Amino acid sequence: QDAEVVRTRDPQLLAQCDVVVDVGGEYDPERHRYDHHQRSFTQSMRSLRPDKPWTTKLSSAGLVYCHFGSQILAGLLGQPEDGPVVTALYDKV
């Protein structure tokens, strides 16, 4: 809610950010880095969540959805994150 959005490709500024999406050349969910532009990047929903069937290579938005989609939907719907309603909607989106 109180996040500051910074648009930059400056590595020094990116290093100071809590979350970096679609820039920085790094996918590291433990450090909240969600870029897909590396030549070595091949992650799909299935490779990150084996319970899901989709094998299309993820974009940065797809990475964010993969990691946070269920949590966000659960909060919006007031439903448990692992409940059938959230699971069904997550799979449809």
N, C-alpha and C. Protein backbone atom coordinates (compact mmCIF):
# COMPACT_ATOMS: atom_id res chain seq x y z
N GLN A 1 0.81 -1.19 0.00
CA GLN A 1 0.00 0.00 0.00
C GLN A 1 0.86 1.26 0.00
N ASP A 2 1.93 1.26 0.76
CA ASP A 2 2.78 2.45 0.84
C ASP A 2 4.06 2.29 0.02
N ALA A 3 4.04 1.39 -0.93
CA ALA A 3 5.23 1.13 -1.73
C ALA A 3 5.55 2.31 -2.64
N GLU A 4 6.81 2.54 -2.85
CA GLU A 4 7.27 3.51 -3.82
C GLU A 4 7.66 2.75 -5.09
N VAL A 5 7.12 3.16 -6.22
CA VAL A 5 7.44 2.52 -7.48
C VAL A 5 8.56 3.30 -8.15
N VAL A 6 9.63 2.57 -8.49
CA VAL A 6 10.80 3.18 -9.13
C VAL A 6 10.96 2.54 -10.50
N ARG A 7 11.02 3.35 -11.54
CA ARG A 7 11.26 2.83 -12.89
C ARG A 7 12.70 3.15 -13.26
N THR A 8 13.52 2.11 -13.32
CA THR A 8 14.93 2.31 -13.62
C THR A 8 15.55 1.01 -14.11
N ARG A 9 16.67 1.15 -14.77
CA ARG A 9 17.51 0.00 -15.10
C ARG A 9 18.87 0.15 -14.42
N ASP A 10 19.02 1.15 -13.61
CA ASP A 10 20.27 1.44 -12.91
C ASP A 10 20.52 0.35 -11.86
N PRO A 11 21.56 -0.47 -12.04
CA PRO A 11 21.82 -1.56 -11.10
C PRO A 11 21.99 -1.11 -9.65
N GLN A 12 22.55 0.06 -9.44
CA GLN A 12 22.72 0.55 -8.06
C GLN A 12 21.37 0.86 -7.41
N LEU A 13 20.46 1.43 -8.18
CA LEU A 13 19.12 1.68 -7.64
C LEU A 13 18.35 0.38 -7.46
N LEU A 14 18.48 -0.53 -8.42
CA LEU A 14 17.79 -1.81 -8.30
C LEU A 14 18.24 -2.58 -7.06
N ALA A 15 19.50 -2.48 -6.73
CA ALA A 15 20.04 -3.18 -5.55
C ALA A 15 19.39 -2.69 -4.26
N GLN A 16 18.85 -1.50 -4.27
CA GLN A 16 18.22 -0.94 -3.08
C GLN A 16 16.73 -1.28 -2.98
N CYS A 17 16.17 -1.85 -4.04
CA CYS A 17 14.74 -2.15 -4.08
C CYS A 17 14.42 -3.46 -3.36
N ASP A 18 13.25 -3.50 -2.75
CA ASP A 18 12.80 -4.73 -2.10
C ASP A 18 12.32 -5.76 -3.11
N VAL A 19 11.68 -5.30 -4.19
CA VAL A 19 11.15 -6.17 -5.23
C VAL A 19 11.54 -5.55 -6.57
N VAL A 20 12.01 -6.39 -7.50
CA VAL A 20 12.38 -5.92 -8.84
C VAL A 20 11.68 -6.82 -9.86
N VAL A 21 10.94 -6.19 -10.79
CA VAL A 21 10.15 -6.92 -11.77
C VAL A 21 10.52 -6.46 -13.18
N ASP A 22 10.84 -7.41 -14.04
CA ASP A 22 11.03 -7.23 -15.49
C ASP A 22 12.31 -6.49 -15.88
N VAL A 23 13.18 -6.24 -14.95
CA VAL A 23 14.50 -5.67 -15.24
C VAL A 23 15.51 -6.30 -14.29
N GLY A 24 16.77 -6.08 -14.57
CA GLY A 24 17.81 -6.56 -13.67
C GLY A 24 18.47 -7.85 -14.09
N GLY A 25 17.88 -8.57 -15.04
CA GLY A 25 18.50 -9.78 -15.56
C GLY A 25 18.64 -10.90 -14.55
N GLU A 26 17.68 -11.00 -13.63
CA GLU A 26 17.82 -11.99 -12.56
C GLU A 26 16.45 -12.52 -12.14
N TYR A 27 16.36 -13.83 -12.03
CA TYR A 27 15.19 -14.46 -11.43
C TYR A 27 15.64 -15.16 -10.16
N ASP A 28 15.25 -14.60 -9.03
CA ASP A 28 15.59 -15.15 -7.72
C ASP A 28 14.46 -14.83 -6.76
N PRO A 29 13.48 -15.72 -6.66
CA PRO A 29 12.32 -15.42 -5.82
C PRO A 29 12.66 -15.21 -4.34
N GLU A 30 13.73 -15.81 -3.86
CA GLU A 30 14.11 -15.60 -2.47
C GLU A 30 14.51 -14.15 -2.21
N ARG A 31 15.03 -13.49 -3.26
CA ARG A 31 15.42 -12.08 -3.15
C ARG A 31 14.39 -11.15 -3.80
N HIS A 32 13.28 -11.71 -4.23
CA HIS A 32 12.21 -10.97 -4.91
C HIS A 32 12.70 -10.28 -6.17
N ARG A 33 13.36 -11.05 -7.02
CA ARG A 33 13.81 -10.59 -8.33
C ARG A 33 13.08 -11.42 -9.37
N TYR A 34 12.28 -10.75 -10.22
CA TYR A 34 11.40 -11.46 -11.14
C TYR A 34 11.60 -10.96 -12.58
N ASP A 35 12.75 -11.25 -13.15
CA ASP A 35 13.01 -10.92 -14.55
C ASP A 35 13.08 -12.21 -15.35
N HIS A 36 12.73 -12.13 -16.61
CA HIS A 36 12.72 -13.31 -17.48
C HIS A 36 13.58 -13.09 -18.73
N HIS A 37 14.39 -12.07 -18.75
CA HIS A 37 15.13 -11.72 -19.96
C HIS A 37 16.50 -12.40 -20.11
N GLN A 38 16.88 -13.27 -19.20
CA GLN A 38 18.15 -13.98 -19.33
C GLN A 38 18.02 -15.07 -20.39
N ARG A 39 19.07 -15.30 -21.13
CA ARG A 39 19.06 -16.36 -22.14
C ARG A 39 18.80 -17.73 -21.51
N SER A 40 19.25 -17.90 -20.29
CA SER A 40 19.11 -19.19 -19.62
C SER A 40 17.73 -19.40 -18.99
N PHE A 41 16.88 -18.40 -19.03
CA PHE A 41 15.57 -18.51 -18.37
C PHE A 41 14.64 -19.43 -19.15
N THR A 42 14.10 -20.44 -18.49
CA THR A 42 13.18 -21.39 -19.14
C THR A 42 11.99 -21.74 -18.25
N GLN A 43 11.79 -21.01 -17.19
CA GLN A 43 10.76 -21.38 -16.21
C GLN A 43 9.35 -21.27 -16.79
N SER A 44 8.55 -22.26 -16.44
CA SER A 44 7.12 -22.27 -16.78
C SER A 44 6.34 -22.48 -15.48
N MET A 45 5.04 -22.36 -15.57
CA MET A 45 4.22 -22.62 -14.39
C MET A 45 4.48 -24.05 -13.90
N ARG A 46 4.56 -24.99 -14.82
CA ARG A 46 4.77 -26.39 -14.43
C ARG A 46 6.13 -26.62 -13.78
N SER A 47 7.17 -25.95 -14.26
CA SER A 47 8.49 -26.16 -13.66
C SER A 47 8.56 -25.57 -12.24
N LEU A 48 7.78 -24.53 -11.99
CA LEU A 48 7.78 -23.90 -10.67
C LEU A 48 6.73 -24.47 -9.74
N ARG A 49 5.63 -24.93 -10.32
CA ARG A 49 4.54 -25.53 -9.55
C ARG A 49 4.13 -26.81 -10.27
N PRO A 50 4.77 -27.91 -9.96
CA PRO A 50 4.53 -29.17 -10.68
C PRO A 50 3.08 -29.65 -10.69
N ASP A 51 2.25 -29.11 -9.80
CA ASP A 51 0.84 -29.48 -9.79
C ASP A 51 0.06 -28.79 -10.90
N LYS A 52 0.69 -27.86 -11.63
CA LYS A 52 0.02 -27.13 -12.72
C LYS A 52 0.52 -27.65 -14.06
N PRO A 53 -0.37 -27.71 -15.08
CA PRO A 53 -0.01 -28.35 -16.35
C PRO A 53 0.66 -27.44 -17.39
N TRP A 54 0.69 -26.12 -17.18
CA TRP A 54 1.09 -25.20 -18.24
C TRP A 54 2.60 -25.12 -18.41
N THR A 55 3.05 -25.26 -19.65
CA THR A 55 4.49 -25.33 -19.93
C THR A 55 5.02 -24.13 -20.71
N THR A 56 4.18 -23.14 -20.98
CA THR A 56 4.63 -21.93 -21.68
C THR A 56 5.60 -21.16 -20.79
N LYS A 57 6.70 -20.70 -21.39
CA LYS A 57 7.69 -19.92 -20.63
C LYS A 57 7.01 -18.68 -20.06
N LEU A 58 7.27 -18.39 -18.80
CA LEU A 58 6.62 -17.29 -18.11
C LEU A 58 7.26 -15.94 -18.42
N SER A 59 6.43 -14.93 -18.44
CA SER A 59 6.89 -13.54 -18.48
C SER A 59 7.15 -13.10 -17.05
N SER A 60 7.58 -11.88 -16.87
CA SER A 60 7.77 -11.36 -15.51
C SER A 60 6.44 -11.30 -14.77
N ALA A 61 5.38 -10.87 -15.47
CA ALA A 61 4.06 -10.84 -14.84
C ALA A 61 3.62 -12.25 -14.46
N GLY A 62 3.93 -13.22 -15.31
CA GLY A 62 3.62 -14.61 -15.00
C GLY A 62 4.36 -15.11 -13.78
N LEU A 63 5.60 -14.68 -13.63
CA LEU A 63 6.38 -15.05 -12.44
C LEU A 63 5.74 -14.49 -11.17
N VAL A 64 5.35 -13.23 -11.23
CA VAL A 64 4.71 -12.61 -10.07
C VAL A 64 3.40 -13.34 -9.76
N TYR A 65 2.62 -13.63 -10.79
CA TYR A 65 1.37 -14.35 -10.58
C TYR A 65 1.62 -15.74 -10.00
N CYS A 66 2.61 -16.42 -10.53
CA CYS A 66 2.95 -17.75 -10.04
C CYS A 66 3.25 -17.74 -8.54
N HIS A 67 4.02 -16.75 -8.12
CA HIS A 67 4.46 -16.69 -6.72
C HIS A 67 3.45 -16.05 -5.78
N PHE A 68 2.61 -15.14 -6.27
CA PHE A 68 1.74 -14.38 -5.37
C PHE A 68 0.26 -14.44 -5.72
N GLY A 69 -0.09 -15.03 -6.87
CA GLY A 69 -1.48 -15.02 -7.31
C GLY A 69 -2.46 -15.62 -6.33
N SER A 70 -2.15 -16.77 -5.79
CA SER A 70 -3.07 -17.42 -4.84
C SER A 70 -3.26 -16.58 -3.59
N GLN A 71 -2.18 -16.02 -3.10
CA GLN A 71 -2.24 -15.19 -1.89
C GLN A 71 -3.10 -13.94 -2.14
N ILE A 72 -2.92 -13.31 -3.27
CA ILE A 72 -3.70 -12.10 -3.59
C ILE A 72 -5.17 -12.45 -3.77
N LEU A 73 -5.46 -13.50 -4.53
CA LEU A 73 -6.85 -13.90 -4.72
C LEU A 73 -7.52 -14.26 -3.40
N ALA A 74 -6.82 -14.98 -2.55
CA ALA A 74 -7.37 -15.36 -1.25
C ALA A 74 -7.72 -14.12 -0.43
N GLY A 75 -6.83 -13.14 -0.44
CA GLY A 75 -7.09 -11.91 0.31
C GLY A 75 -8.28 -11.15 -0.24
N LEU A 76 -8.38 -11.06 -1.56
CA LEU A 76 -9.50 -10.35 -2.18
C LEU A 76 -10.83 -11.05 -1.95
N LEU A 77 -10.80 -12.37 -1.96
CA LEU A 77 -12.03 -13.16 -1.84
C LEU A 77 -12.38 -13.52 -0.40
N GLY A 78 -11.44 -13.33 0.52
CA GLY A 78 -11.69 -13.74 1.90
C GLY A 78 -11.81 -15.25 2.02
N GLN A 79 -11.05 -15.96 1.20
CA GLN A 79 -11.09 -17.42 1.16
C GLN A 79 -9.70 -17.95 1.51
N PRO A 80 -9.61 -19.21 1.96
CA PRO A 80 -8.30 -19.80 2.21
C PRO A 80 -7.50 -19.93 0.92
N GLU A 81 -6.21 -19.69 1.02
CA GLU A 81 -5.34 -19.73 -0.15
C GLU A 81 -5.36 -21.09 -0.85
N ASP A 82 -5.49 -22.16 -0.08
CA ASP A 82 -5.50 -23.50 -0.67
C ASP A 82 -6.91 -24.06 -0.85
N GLY A 83 -7.91 -23.19 -0.73
CA GLY A 83 -9.29 -23.63 -0.86
C GLY A 83 -9.70 -23.81 -2.32
N PRO A 84 -10.82 -24.50 -2.56
CA PRO A 84 -11.25 -24.81 -3.93
C PRO A 84 -11.61 -23.58 -4.76
N VAL A 85 -12.15 -22.54 -4.14
CA VAL A 85 -12.54 -21.34 -4.90
C VAL A 85 -11.29 -20.63 -5.41
N VAL A 86 -10.32 -20.43 -4.53
CA VAL A 86 -9.08 -19.75 -4.93
C VAL A 86 -8.33 -20.59 -5.96
N THR A 87 -8.26 -21.88 -5.75
CA THR A 87 -7.57 -22.77 -6.70
C THR A 87 -8.21 -22.71 -8.07
N ALA A 88 -9.53 -22.78 -8.12
CA ALA A 88 -10.24 -22.74 -9.41
C ALA A 88 -10.03 -21.40 -10.12
N LEU A 89 -10.12 -20.31 -9.39
CA LEU A 89 -9.93 -18.99 -10.00
C LEU A 89 -8.49 -18.79 -10.42
N TYR A 90 -7.55 -19.22 -9.61
CA TYR A 90 -6.13 -19.13 -9.96
C TYR A 90 -5.88 -19.85 -11.29
N ASP A 91 -6.43 -21.03 -11.43
CA ASP A 91 -6.23 -21.82 -12.66
C ASP A 91 -6.93 -21.17 -13.86
N LYS A 92 -8.03 -20.51 -13.66
CA LYS A 92 -8.75 -19.85 -14.77
C LYS A 92 -8.03 -18.60 -15.24
N VAL A 93 -7.45 -17.84 -14.29
CA VAL A 93 -6.75 -16.60 -14.66
C VAL A 93 -5.45 -16.96 -15.33
